[in-house]
């Protein structure tokens, strides 16, 4: 029988294994317009932590006692939907399990871009789309801008660094530890700040003595405050995520937030779903960039459905460089 991870209780602070259970489930019969998919790759992402709380947000919370879901790539093994046949590779949102029945309207057949399937959960998927439009649309970043990217060795941040360089920007990335800083440099970042080696504000001030035009926020907290402190006039901030606060109920505080007024800083939060209609535009740039080496893809791969929870919790410990994936 197929198995799926279930949320059994709502975490208080950092989730623990006691909040979850991996259980067998009865697969439903296939109806008209549906696909049965054998999952090959699963995505785990920081936003999933918010779905474990019983609060209203841009995606519904996980239901207690029910299978969880998330991004996945799999192979169609049975189809009752026009346009899909056994053997097709598809991307869908019925992850955290080894087999799924999905409505064909919610599944996307992988385009022929010459890329391995797992990249459609990373640089060619929601991760890359988030980086691309968050930088170029939400932050209105342009050639010549000085861009600061937090969590620059992570899934989204590492793509932001490369898109910014491809578009002629100066890039400063933050990362934790020497190995991750070296990785961010290898992506083309002009300066890298090791936030584990000292206060982020001091490091960013040294890396950007004349200030920053754009901040791509994956962290919140002291990184966001440092960006306030170093922002130039008319700086633009794309607020993608604030992982520093996902497991902490203590409100964030900012010493330099009043500079929003003086520097006319624009803060724009965004949700990647808003950009799904522009996927072709994204592929038009990202496909060639991957093919010619302008953009590199890196994944941290955890093996087996049993280890999905370990992969997810590892996101909050800095266990991933690039995209965190589970291979089934």
C-alpha atoms as a PDB file:
ATOM      1  CA  UNK A   1       0.000   0.000   0.000  1.00  0.00           C
ATOM      2  CA  UNK A   2       1.162   3.558  -0.586  1.00  0.00           C
ATOM      3  CA  UNK A   3       2.335   5.631   2.351  1.00  0.00           C
ATOM      4  CA  UNK A   4       2.051   9.310   3.213  1.00  0.00           C
ATOM      5  CA  UNK A   5       3.227  11.644   5.964  1.00  0.00           C
ATOM      6  CA  UNK A   6       0.392  12.913   8.162  1.00  0.00           C
ATOM      7  CA  UNK A   7       0.342  15.897  10.522  1.00  0.00           C
ATOM      8  CA  UNK A   8      -0.848  14.547  13.887  1.00  0.00           C
ATOM      9  CA  UNK A   9      -0.496  17.653  16.078  1.00  0.00           C
ATOM     10  CA  UNK A  10       0.307  21.312  15.574  1.00  0.00           C
ATOM     11  CA  UNK A  11       3.914  22.204  16.428  1.00  0.00           C
ATOM     12  CA  UNK A  12       4.802  24.732  19.077  1.00  0.00           C
ATOM     13  CA  UNK A  13       8.030  26.301  17.904  1.00  0.00           C
ATOM     14  CA  UNK A  14      10.334  24.031  15.926  1.00  0.00           C
ATOM     15  CA  UNK A  15       8.451  20.886  14.810  1.00  0.00           C
ATOM     16  CA  UNK A  16       9.496  17.541  16.259  1.00  0.00           C
ATOM     17  CA  UNK A  17       8.950  13.987  14.951  1.00  0.00           C
ATOM     18  CA  UNK A  18       6.124  13.593  17.486  1.00  0.00           C
ATOM     19  CA  UNK A  19       4.026  16.001  15.391  1.00  0.00           C
ATOM     20  CA  UNK A  20       4.019  13.604  12.412  1.00  0.00           C
ATOM     21  CA  UNK A  21       3.327  10.019  11.411  1.00  0.00           C
ATOM     22  CA  UNK A  22       4.150   8.031   8.264  1.00  0.00           C
ATOM     23  CA  UNK A  23       1.150   5.821   7.574  1.00  0.00           C
ATOM     24  CA  UNK A  24      -0.279   3.595   4.879  1.00  0.00           C
ATOM     25  CA  UNK A  25      -3.398   4.838   3.128  1.00  0.00           C
ATOM     26  CA  UNK A  26      -5.969   3.392   0.740  1.00  0.00           C
ATOM     27  CA  UNK A  27      -5.474   4.918  -2.716  1.00  0.00           C
ATOM     28  CA  UNK A  28      -8.768   6.178  -4.130  1.00  0.00           C
ATOM     29  CA  UNK A  29     -10.116   4.766  -7.385  1.00  0.00           C
ATOM     30  CA  UNK A  30      -9.246   6.742 -10.478  1.00  0.00           C
ATOM     31  CA  UNK A  31     -12.047   8.981 -11.750  1.00  0.00           C
ATOM     32  CA  UNK A  32     -12.534  10.728 -15.061  1.00  0.00           C
ATOM     33  CA  UNK A  33      -9.998  13.476 -15.606  1.00  0.00           C
ATOM     34  CA  UNK A  34      -7.599  12.053 -13.036  1.00  0.00           C
ATOM     35  CA  UNK A  35      -4.090  10.589 -13.025  1.00  0.00           C
ATOM     36  CA  UNK A  36      -2.394   8.044 -10.826  1.00  0.00           C
ATOM     37  CA  UNK A  37       1.208   9.131 -10.326  1.00  0.00           C
ATOM     38  CA  UNK A  38       4.200   7.338  -8.860  1.00  0.00           C
ATOM     39  CA  UNK A  39       6.235  10.053  -7.220  1.00  0.00           C
ATOM     40  CA  UNK A  40       9.932  10.233  -8.039  1.00  0.00           C
ATOM     41  CA  UNK A  41      10.999  13.460  -6.296  1.00  0.00           C
ATOM     42  CA  UNK A  42       9.511  15.470  -3.411  1.00  0.00           C
ATOM     43  CA  UNK A  43      10.135  19.074  -2.474  1.00  0.00           C
ATOM     44  CA  UNK A  44      10.319  20.338   1.107  1.00  0.00           C
ATOM     45  CA  UNK A  45      10.158  24.096   1.604  1.00  0.00           C
ATOM     46  CA  UNK A  46      10.169  26.564   4.512  1.00  0.00           C
ATOM     47  CA  UNK A  47       6.662  27.847   3.714  1.00  0.00           C
ATOM     48  CA  UNK A  48       5.313  24.446   4.766  1.00  0.00           C
ATOM     49  CA  UNK A  49       6.020  25.359   8.389  1.00  0.00           C
ATOM     50  CA  UNK A  50       3.313  28.025   8.244  1.00  0.00           C
ATOM     51  CA  UNK A  51       0.802  25.485   6.956  1.00  0.00           C
ATOM     52  CA  UNK A  52       1.273  23.484  10.150  1.00  0.00           C
ATOM     53  CA  UNK A  53      -0.406  26.297  12.107  1.00  0.00           C
ATOM     54  CA  UNK A  54      -4.192  26.633  12.173  1.00  0.00           C
ATOM     55  CA  UNK A  55      -4.233  30.141  10.734  1.00  0.00           C
ATOM     56  CA  UNK A  56      -5.631  31.696   7.579  1.00  0.00           C
ATOM     57  CA  UNK A  57      -2.982  32.402   4.969  1.00  0.00           C
ATOM     58  CA  UNK A  58      -2.431  32.322   1.215  1.00  0.00           C
ATOM     59  CA  UNK A  59      -2.523  28.506   1.312  1.00  0.00           C
ATOM     60  CA  UNK A  60      -4.816  26.435   3.573  1.00  0.00           C
ATOM     61  CA  UNK A  61      -3.323  24.869   6.703  1.00  0.00           C
ATOM     62  CA  UNK A  62      -2.552  21.162   6.797  1.00  0.00           C
ATOM     63  CA  UNK A  63      -5.439  19.255   8.352  1.00  0.00           C
ATOM     64  CA  UNK A  64      -4.731  17.174  11.440  1.00  0.00           C
ATOM     65  CA  UNK A  65      -4.702  13.452  10.762  1.00  0.00           C
ATOM     66  CA  UNK A  66      -4.690  13.958   6.991  1.00  0.00           C
ATOM     67  CA  UNK A  67      -1.907  13.410   4.464  1.00  0.00           C
ATOM     68  CA  UNK A  68       0.262  16.451   3.880  1.00  0.00           C
ATOM     69  CA  UNK A  69       1.042  17.803   0.439  1.00  0.00           C
ATOM     70  CA  UNK A  70       3.654  19.796  -1.444  1.00  0.00           C
ATOM     71  CA  UNK A  71       5.536  19.968  -4.701  1.00  0.00           C
ATOM     72  CA  UNK A  72       6.405  16.680  -6.392  1.00  0.00           C
ATOM     73  CA  UNK A  73       7.505  15.254  -9.725  1.00  0.00           C
ATOM     74  CA  UNK A  74       6.336  11.813 -10.733  1.00  0.00           C
ATOM     75  CA  UNK A  75       5.505   9.403 -13.519  1.00  0.00           C
ATOM     76  CA  UNK A  76       1.964   8.735 -14.669  1.00  0.00           C
ATOM     77  CA  UNK A  77       1.121   5.052 -14.187  1.00  0.00           C
ATOM     78  CA  UNK A  78      -2.590   5.276 -15.053  1.00  0.00           C
ATOM     79  CA  UNK A  79      -4.582   7.969 -16.803  1.00  0.00           C
ATOM     80  CA  UNK A  80      -8.240   8.800 -17.329  1.00  0.00           C
ATOM     81  CA  UNK A  81      -7.419  12.269 -18.611  1.00  0.00           C
ATOM     82  CA  UNK A  82      -7.053  13.397 -22.190  1.00  0.00           C
ATOM     83  CA  UNK A  83      -3.520  14.438 -23.079  1.00  0.00           C
ATOM     84  CA  UNK A  84      -1.801  12.299 -20.435  1.00  0.00           C
ATOM     85  CA  UNK A  85      -0.472   8.776 -20.898  1.00  0.00           C
ATOM     86  CA  UNK A  86       1.432   6.276 -18.748  1.00  0.00           C
ATOM     87  CA  UNK A  87       5.098   7.193 -18.719  1.00  0.00           C
ATOM     88  CA  UNK A  88       4.527  10.962 -18.851  1.00  0.00           C
ATOM     89  CA  UNK A  89       6.509  12.939 -16.275  1.00  0.00           C
ATOM     90  CA  UNK A  90       4.396  15.509 -14.414  1.00  0.00           C
ATOM     91  CA  UNK A  91       4.771  18.114 -11.728  1.00  0.00           C
ATOM     92  CA  UNK A  92       1.979  18.378  -9.151  1.00  0.00           C
ATOM     93  CA  UNK A  93       1.256  19.276  -5.523  1.00  0.00           C
ATOM     94  CA  UNK A  94       0.516  15.856  -3.983  1.00  0.00           C
ATOM     95  CA  UNK A  95       3.875  15.357  -2.327  1.00  0.00           C
ATOM     96  CA  UNK A  96       4.845  13.892   1.075  1.00  0.00           C
ATOM     97  CA  UNK A  97       3.758  10.461  -0.281  1.00  0.00           C
ATOM     98  CA  UNK A  98       4.986   7.836  -2.715  1.00  0.00           C
ATOM     99  CA  UNK A  99       1.816   7.593  -4.818  1.00  0.00           C
ATOM    100  CA  UNK A 100      -0.914  10.108  -5.599  1.00  0.00           C
ATOM    101  CA  UNK A 101      -4.183  10.473  -7.475  1.00  0.00           C
ATOM    102  CA  UNK A 102      -4.409  14.002  -8.857  1.00  0.00           C
ATOM    103  CA  UNK A 103      -6.784  15.985 -11.004  1.00  0.00           C
ATOM    104  CA  UNK A 104      -5.140  16.399 -14.394  1.00  0.00           C
ATOM    105  CA  UNK A 105      -5.987  20.105 -14.300  1.00  0.00           C
ATOM    106  CA  UNK A 106      -3.563  20.491 -11.400  1.00  0.00           C
ATOM    107  CA  UNK A 107      -0.716  18.550 -13.059  1.00  0.00           C
ATOM    108  CA  UNK A 108       1.763  20.016 -15.506  1.00  0.00           C
ATOM    109  CA  UNK A 109       3.542  17.816 -18.012  1.00  0.00           C
ATOM    110  CA  UNK A 110       7.263  18.574 -17.860  1.00  0.00           C
ATOM    111  CA  UNK A 111       8.350  20.609 -20.887  1.00  0.00           C
ATOM    112  CA  UNK A 112      11.129  19.342 -23.120  1.00  0.00           C
ATOM    113  CA  UNK A 113      14.012  21.551 -21.976  1.00  0.00           C
ATOM    114  CA  UNK A 114      16.671  18.839 -21.821  1.00  0.00           C
ATOM    115  CA  UNK A 115      16.795  19.089 -18.024  1.00  0.00           C
ATOM    116  CA  UNK A 116      16.572  16.286 -15.432  1.00  0.00           C
ATOM    117  CA  UNK A 117      13.150  16.022 -13.782  1.00  0.00           C
ATOM    118  CA  UNK A 118      14.280  17.121 -10.331  1.00  0.00           C
ATOM    119  CA  UNK A 119      15.200  20.560 -11.664  1.00  0.00           C
ATOM    120  CA  UNK A 120      11.495  21.255 -12.167  1.00  0.00           C
ATOM    121  CA  UNK A 121      11.208  21.356  -8.370  1.00  0.00           C
ATOM    122  CA  UNK A 122      14.164  23.720  -8.175  1.00  0.00           C
ATOM    123  CA  UNK A 123      15.675  26.132 -10.619  1.00  0.00           C
ATOM    124  CA  UNK A 124      13.069  25.347 -13.329  1.00  0.00           C
ATOM    125  CA  UNK A 125      10.167  25.158 -10.898  1.00  0.00           C
ATOM    126  CA  UNK A 126       8.568  27.255  -8.188  1.00  0.00           C
ATOM    127  CA  UNK A 127      11.979  27.953  -6.646  1.00  0.00           C
ATOM    128  CA  UNK A 128      13.384  29.493  -9.823  1.00  0.00           C
ATOM    129  CA  UNK A 129      10.126  31.283 -10.587  1.00  0.00           C
ATOM    130  CA  UNK A 130      10.166  32.839  -7.107  1.00  0.00           C
ATOM    131  CA  UNK A 131      13.720  34.073  -7.555  1.00  0.00           C
ATOM    132  CA  UNK A 132      13.197  35.378 -11.087  1.00  0.00           C
ATOM    133  CA  UNK A 133      10.015  37.376 -10.621  1.00  0.00           C
ATOM    134  CA  UNK A 134      10.746  38.335  -7.024  1.00  0.00           C
ATOM    135  CA  UNK A 135      13.923  40.045  -8.170  1.00  0.00           C
ATOM    136  CA  UNK A 136      12.863  41.443 -11.534  1.00  0.00           C
ATOM    137  CA  UNK A 137       9.200  42.233 -10.868  1.00  0.00           C
ATOM    138  CA  UNK A 138       8.580  42.616  -7.123  1.00  0.00           C
ATOM    139  CA  UNK A 139      11.887  44.438  -6.558  1.00  0.00           C
ATOM    140  CA  UNK A 140      12.052  46.015 -10.048  1.00  0.00           C
ATOM    141  CA  UNK A 141      15.786  45.234 -10.067  1.00  0.00           C
ATOM    142  CA  UNK A 142      17.708  46.475 -13.080  1.00  0.00           C
ATOM    143  CA  UNK A 143      21.187  46.549 -14.572  1.00  0.00           C
ATOM    144  CA  UNK A 144      23.639  48.452 -12.397  1.00  0.00           C
ATOM    145  CA  UNK A 145      21.751  47.944  -9.115  1.00  0.00           C
ATOM    146  CA  UNK A 146      23.540  46.795  -5.973  1.00  0.00           C
ATOM    147  CA  UNK A 147      21.540  43.796  -4.739  1.00  0.00           C
ATOM    148  CA  UNK A 148      21.716  42.209  -1.288  1.00  0.00           C
ATOM    149  CA  UNK A 149      20.409  38.615  -1.062  1.00  0.00           C
ATOM    150  CA  UNK A 150      19.919  36.874   2.280  1.00  0.00           C
ATOM    151  CA  UNK A 151      20.225  33.078   2.555  1.00  0.00           C
ATOM    152  CA  UNK A 152      22.144  33.239  -0.710  1.00  0.00           C
ATOM    153  CA  UNK A 153      23.267  29.606  -0.512  1.00  0.00           C
ATOM    154  CA  UNK A 154      19.687  28.375  -0.186  1.00  0.00           C
ATOM    155  CA  UNK A 155      17.259  27.238  -2.856  1.00  0.00           C
ATOM    156  CA  UNK A 156      15.770  30.614  -3.814  1.00  0.00           C
ATOM    157  CA  UNK A 157      18.702  32.801  -2.799  1.00  0.00           C
ATOM    158  CA  UNK A 158      21.220  30.938  -4.936  1.00  0.00           C
ATOM    159  CA  UNK A 159      19.043  31.481  -8.009  1.00  0.00           C
ATOM    160  CA  UNK A 160      18.555  35.162  -7.178  1.00  0.00           C
ATOM    161  CA  UNK A 161      22.329  35.626  -7.120  1.00  0.00           C
ATOM    162  CA  UNK A 162      22.683  34.114 -10.586  1.00  0.00           C
ATOM    163  CA  UNK A 163      19.728  35.930 -12.157  1.00  0.00           C
ATOM    164  CA  UNK A 164      21.039  39.233 -10.805  1.00  0.00           C
ATOM    165  CA  UNK A 165      24.485  38.602 -12.285  1.00  0.00           C
ATOM    166  CA  UNK A 166      22.962  37.553 -15.615  1.00  0.00           C
ATOM    167  CA  UNK A 167      21.125  40.878 -15.679  1.00  0.00           C
ATOM    168  CA  UNK A 168      24.234  42.981 -14.964  1.00  0.00           C
ATOM    169  CA  UNK A 169      23.844  43.727 -11.249  1.00  0.00           C
ATOM    170  CA  UNK A 170      26.347  43.855  -8.413  1.00  0.00           C
ATOM    171  CA  UNK A 171      25.470  41.148  -5.893  1.00  0.00           C
ATOM    172  CA  UNK A 172      26.147  40.800  -2.180  1.00  0.00           C
ATOM    173  CA  UNK A 173      25.024  37.538  -0.615  1.00  0.00           C
ATOM    174  CA  UNK A 174      24.817  36.369   2.975  1.00  0.00           C
ATOM    175  CA  UNK A 175      25.468  32.777   3.999  1.00  0.00           C
ATOM    176  CA  UNK A 176      26.415  30.860   7.126  1.00  0.00           C
ATOM    177  CA  UNK A 177      29.899  29.347   7.278  1.00  0.00           C
ATOM    178  CA  UNK A 178      32.942  29.213   5.027  1.00  0.00           C
ATOM    179  CA  UNK A 179      31.719  26.406   2.747  1.00  0.00           C
ATOM    180  CA  UNK A 180      28.436  28.101   1.953  1.00  0.00           C
ATOM    181  CA  UNK A 181      30.163  31.435   1.434  1.00  0.00           C
ATOM    182  CA  UNK A 182      32.533  29.781  -1.036  1.00  0.00           C
ATOM    183  CA  UNK A 183      29.530  28.338  -2.865  1.00  0.00           C
ATOM    184  CA  UNK A 184      27.891  31.766  -3.156  1.00  0.00           C
ATOM    185  CA  UNK A 185      31.138  33.182  -4.549  1.00  0.00           C
ATOM    186  CA  UNK A 186      31.226  30.366  -7.099  1.00  0.00           C
ATOM    187  CA  UNK A 187      27.822  31.550  -8.336  1.00  0.00           C
ATOM    188  CA  UNK A 188      29.312  34.939  -9.166  1.00  0.00           C
ATOM    189  CA  UNK A 189      28.504  37.041  -6.097  1.00  0.00           C
ATOM    190  CA  UNK A 190      30.750  40.096  -5.882  1.00  0.00           C
ATOM    191  CA  UNK A 191      30.802  40.083  -2.075  1.00  0.00           C
ATOM    192  CA  UNK A 192      29.722  37.504   0.509  1.00  0.00           C
ATOM    193  CA  UNK A 193      28.945  38.149   4.162  1.00  0.00           C
ATOM    194  CA  UNK A 194      29.302  35.260   6.624  1.00  0.00           C
ATOM    195  CA  UNK A 195      26.575  35.984   9.164  1.00  0.00           C
ATOM    196  CA  UNK A 196      28.033  33.362  11.506  1.00  0.00           C
ATOM    197  CA  UNK A 197      31.353  35.196  11.679  1.00  0.00           C
ATOM    198  CA  UNK A 198      29.968  38.444  13.065  1.00  0.00           C
ATOM    199  CA  UNK A 199      26.996  40.826  13.111  1.00  0.00           C
ATOM    200  CA  UNK A 200      25.297  41.007   9.733  1.00  0.00           C
ATOM    201  CA  UNK A 201      25.056  44.804   9.889  1.00  0.00           C
ATOM    202  CA  UNK A 202      28.815  45.175  10.281  1.00  0.00           C
ATOM    203  CA  UNK A 203      29.482  42.708   7.480  1.00  0.00           C
ATOM    204  CA  UNK A 204      27.010  44.300   5.085  1.00  0.00           C
ATOM    205  CA  UNK A 205      28.349  47.787   5.802  1.00  0.00           C
ATOM    206  CA  UNK A 206      31.830  46.595   4.841  1.00  0.00           C
ATOM    207  CA  UNK A 207      30.580  44.829   1.710  1.00  0.00           C
ATOM    208  CA  UNK A 208      28.365  47.730   0.581  1.00  0.00           C
ATOM    209  CA  UNK A 209      29.979  50.942   1.837  1.00  0.00           C
ATOM    210  CA  UNK A 210      27.837  53.002  -0.536  1.00  0.00           C
ATOM    211  CA  UNK A 211      24.608  51.181   0.335  1.00  0.00           C
ATOM    212  CA  UNK A 212      22.209  48.888  -1.527  1.00  0.00           C
ATOM    213  CA  UNK A 213      19.483  49.468  -4.113  1.00  0.00           C
ATOM    214  CA  UNK A 214      17.669  46.145  -3.762  1.00  0.00           C
ATOM    215  CA  UNK A 215      17.164  43.657  -0.952  1.00  0.00           C
ATOM    216  CA  UNK A 216      15.777  40.166  -1.571  1.00  0.00           C
ATOM    217  CA  UNK A 217      14.602  38.959   1.827  1.00  0.00           C
ATOM    218  CA  UNK A 218      14.491  35.264   2.693  1.00  0.00           C
ATOM    219  CA  UNK A 219      15.308  35.685   6.386  1.00  0.00           C
ATOM    220  CA  UNK A 220      13.771  38.730   8.091  1.00  0.00           C
ATOM    221  CA  UNK A 221      15.109  39.686  11.515  1.00  0.00           C
ATOM    222  CA  UNK A 222      18.587  41.178  11.706  1.00  0.00           C
ATOM    223  CA  UNK A 223      19.140  40.750   7.957  1.00  0.00           C
ATOM    224  CA  UNK A 224      16.107  42.879   7.150  1.00  0.00           C
ATOM    225  CA  UNK A 225      17.146  45.450   9.744  1.00  0.00           C
ATOM    226  CA  UNK A 226      20.649  45.648   8.227  1.00  0.00           C
ATOM    227  CA  UNK A 227      19.066  46.216   4.826  1.00  0.00           C
ATOM    228  CA  UNK A 228      17.023  49.093   6.258  1.00  0.00           C
ATOM    229  CA  UNK A 229      20.228  50.589   7.647  1.00  0.00           C
ATOM    230  CA  UNK A 230      22.142  50.381   4.343  1.00  0.00           C
ATOM    231  CA  UNK A 231      19.332  51.185   1.897  1.00  0.00           C
ATOM    232  CA  UNK A 232      19.884  53.938  -0.617  1.00  0.00           C
ATOM    233  CA  UNK A 233      17.163  56.383  -1.558  1.00  0.00           C
ATOM    234  CA  UNK A 234      14.312  54.670  -3.443  1.00  0.00           C
ATOM    235  CA  UNK A 235      15.598  51.200  -2.566  1.00  0.00           C
ATOM    236  CA  UNK A 236      13.235  48.322  -3.315  1.00  0.00           C
ATOM    237  CA  UNK A 237      12.782  45.312  -1.050  1.00  0.00           C
ATOM    238  CA  UNK A 238      11.218  42.037  -2.243  1.00  0.00           C
ATOM    239  CA  UNK A 239       9.894  40.236   0.825  1.00  0.00           C
ATOM    240  CA  UNK A 240       9.905  36.542  -0.080  1.00  0.00           C
ATOM    241  CA  UNK A 241      10.193  34.831   3.300  1.00  0.00           C
ATOM    242  CA  UNK A 242      11.271  35.338   6.904  1.00  0.00           C
ATOM    243  CA  UNK A 243      12.542  31.950   8.033  1.00  0.00           C
ATOM    244  CA  UNK A 244      14.105  33.468  11.147  1.00  0.00           C
ATOM    245  CA  UNK A 245      10.638  33.877  12.626  1.00  0.00           C
ATOM    246  CA  UNK A 246       8.855  30.727  11.450  1.00  0.00           C
ATOM    247  CA  UNK A 247       9.447  28.804  14.681  1.00  0.00           C
ATOM    248  CA  UNK A 248       9.598  31.789  17.034  1.00  0.00           C
ATOM    249  CA  UNK A 249       6.520  33.532  18.411  1.00  0.00           C
ATOM    250  CA  UNK A 250       8.571  36.532  19.558  1.00  0.00           C
ATOM    251  CA  UNK A 251       7.792  39.563  17.369  1.00  0.00           C
ATOM    252  CA  UNK A 252      10.681  40.852  15.293  1.00  0.00           C
ATOM    253  CA  UNK A 253      12.019  44.288  16.208  1.00  0.00           C
ATOM    254  CA  UNK A 254      13.891  46.683  13.932  1.00  0.00           C
ATOM    255  CA  UNK A 255      16.240  49.482  14.971  1.00  0.00           C
ATOM    256  CA  UNK A 256      16.412  51.053  11.524  1.00  0.00           C
ATOM    257  CA  UNK A 257      12.881  50.694  10.187  1.00  0.00           C
ATOM    258  CA  UNK A 258      12.294  54.464  10.298  1.00  0.00           C
ATOM    259  CA  UNK A 259      14.665  54.763   7.342  1.00  0.00           C
ATOM    260  CA  UNK A 260      11.757  53.456   5.238  1.00  0.00           C
ATOM    261  CA  UNK A 261      10.442  57.027   5.311  1.00  0.00           C
ATOM    262  CA  UNK A 262      13.658  58.965   4.854  1.00  0.00           C
ATOM    263  CA  UNK A 263      14.987  56.727   2.053  1.00  0.00           C
ATOM    264  CA  UNK A 264      11.541  56.243   0.427  1.00  0.00           C
ATOM    265  CA  UNK A 265      12.067  52.476   0.609  1.00  0.00           C
ATOM    266  CA  UNK A 266       9.485  50.338  -1.173  1.00  0.00           C
ATOM    267  CA  UNK A 267       8.671  46.997   0.450  1.00  0.00           C
ATOM    268  CA  UNK A 268       6.685  44.526  -1.621  1.00  0.00           C
ATOM    269  CA  UNK A 269       5.592  41.142  -0.412  1.00  0.00           C
ATOM    270  CA  UNK A 270       4.793  38.648  -3.133  1.00  0.00           C
ATOM    271  CA  UNK A 271       3.436  35.151  -3.652  1.00  0.00           C
ATOM    272  CA  UNK A 272       4.842  33.041  -6.471  1.00  0.00           C
ATOM    273  CA  UNK A 273       1.371  31.806  -7.462  1.00  0.00           C
ATOM    274  CA  UNK A 274       0.709  35.282  -8.869  1.00  0.00           C
ATOM    275  CA  UNK A 275       3.310  34.630 -11.562  1.00  0.00           C
ATOM    276  CA  UNK A 276       2.154  31.223 -12.802  1.00  0.00           C
ATOM    277  CA  UNK A 277       0.522  32.781 -15.906  1.00  0.00           C
ATOM    278  CA  UNK A 278       3.961  34.111 -16.890  1.00  0.00           C
ATOM    279  CA  UNK A 279       5.723  30.733 -16.760  1.00  0.00           C
ATOM    280  CA  UNK A 280       6.595  30.869 -20.482  1.00  0.00           C
ATOM    281  CA  UNK A 281       8.427  34.165 -19.951  1.00  0.00           C
ATOM    282  CA  UNK A 282      10.430  32.566 -17.153  1.00  0.00           C
ATOM    283  CA  UNK A 283      11.314  29.498 -19.231  1.00  0.00           C
ATOM    284  CA  UNK A 284      12.392  31.795 -22.078  1.00  0.00           C
ATOM    285  CA  UNK A 285      15.257  33.100 -19.948  1.00  0.00           C
ATOM    286  CA  UNK A 286      15.960  30.236 -17.547  1.00  0.00           C
ATOM    287  CA  UNK A 287      16.052  27.430 -20.133  1.00  0.00           C
ATOM    288  CA  UNK A 288      18.874  29.012 -22.181  1.00  0.00           C
ATOM    289  CA  UNK A 289      20.719  30.149 -19.047  1.00  0.00           C
ATOM    290  CA  UNK A 290      20.816  26.585 -17.756  1.00  0.00           C
ATOM    291  CA  UNK A 291      21.826  25.221 -21.162  1.00  0.00           C
ATOM    292  CA  UNK A 292      24.760  27.617 -21.570  1.00  0.00           C
ATOM    293  CA  UNK A 293      25.932  27.517 -17.953  1.00  0.00           C
ATOM    294  CA  UNK A 294      24.932  31.058 -16.995  1.00  0.00           C
ATOM    295  CA  UNK A 295      22.822  29.522 -14.217  1.00  0.00           C
ATOM    296  CA  UNK A 296      23.870  26.432 -12.268  1.00  0.00           C
ATOM    297  CA  UNK A 297      21.598  24.062 -10.391  1.00  0.00           C
ATOM    298  CA  UNK A 298      22.571  22.478  -7.115  1.00  0.00           C
ATOM    299  CA  UNK A 299      20.494  20.175  -4.960  1.00  0.00           C
ATOM    300  CA  UNK A 300      20.870  18.621  -1.530  1.00  0.00           C
ATOM    301  CA  UNK A 301      19.288  15.185  -1.936  1.00  0.00           C
ATOM    302  CA  UNK A 302      17.893  13.040   0.881  1.00  0.00           C
ATOM    303  CA  UNK A 303      17.041   9.440  -0.014  1.00  0.00           C
ATOM    304  CA  UNK A 304      13.698   7.813   0.705  1.00  0.00           C
ATOM    305  CA  UNK A 305      10.179   8.709   1.836  1.00  0.00           C
ATOM    306  CA  UNK A 306      11.146   7.713   5.388  1.00  0.00           C
ATOM    307  CA  UNK A 307      13.628  10.615   5.462  1.00  0.00           C
ATOM    308  CA  UNK A 308      11.263  13.333   4.218  1.00  0.00           C
ATOM    309  CA  UNK A 309      10.756  14.746   7.696  1.00  0.00           C
ATOM    310  CA  UNK A 310      14.521  14.832   8.280  1.00  0.00           C
ATOM    311  CA  UNK A 311      14.914  16.796   5.059  1.00  0.00           C
ATOM    312  CA  UNK A 312      12.224  19.273   6.083  1.00  0.00           C
ATOM    313  CA  UNK A 313      13.631  19.855   9.566  1.00  0.00           C
ATOM    314  CA  UNK A 314      17.086  20.250   8.044  1.00  0.00           C
ATOM    315  CA  UNK A 315      15.895  23.444   6.353  1.00  0.00           C
ATOM    316  CA  UNK A 316      15.834  25.158   9.750  1.00  0.00           C
ATOM    317  CA  UNK A 317      19.348  23.992  10.609  1.00  0.00           C
ATOM    318  CA  UNK A 318      21.009  25.140   7.391  1.00  0.00           C
ATOM    319  CA  UNK A 319      21.450  21.541   6.224  1.00  0.00           C
ATOM    320  CA  UNK A 320      20.880  22.370   2.551  1.00  0.00           C
ATOM    321  CA  UNK A 321      23.015  24.057  -0.044  1.00  0.00           C
ATOM    322  CA  UNK A 322      20.781  24.874  -2.981  1.00  0.00           C
ATOM    323  CA  UNK A 323      17.428  23.105  -3.197  1.00  0.00           C
ATOM    324  CA  UNK A 324      16.479  20.460  -0.622  1.00  0.00           C
ATOM    325  CA  UNK A 325      14.890  17.427  -2.322  1.00  0.00           C
ATOM    326  CA  UNK A 326      13.808  13.906  -1.427  1.00  0.00           C
ATOM    327  CA  UNK A 327      14.410  11.149  -3.976  1.00  0.00           C
ATOM    328  CA  UNK A 328      12.051   8.169  -3.820  1.00  0.00           C
END
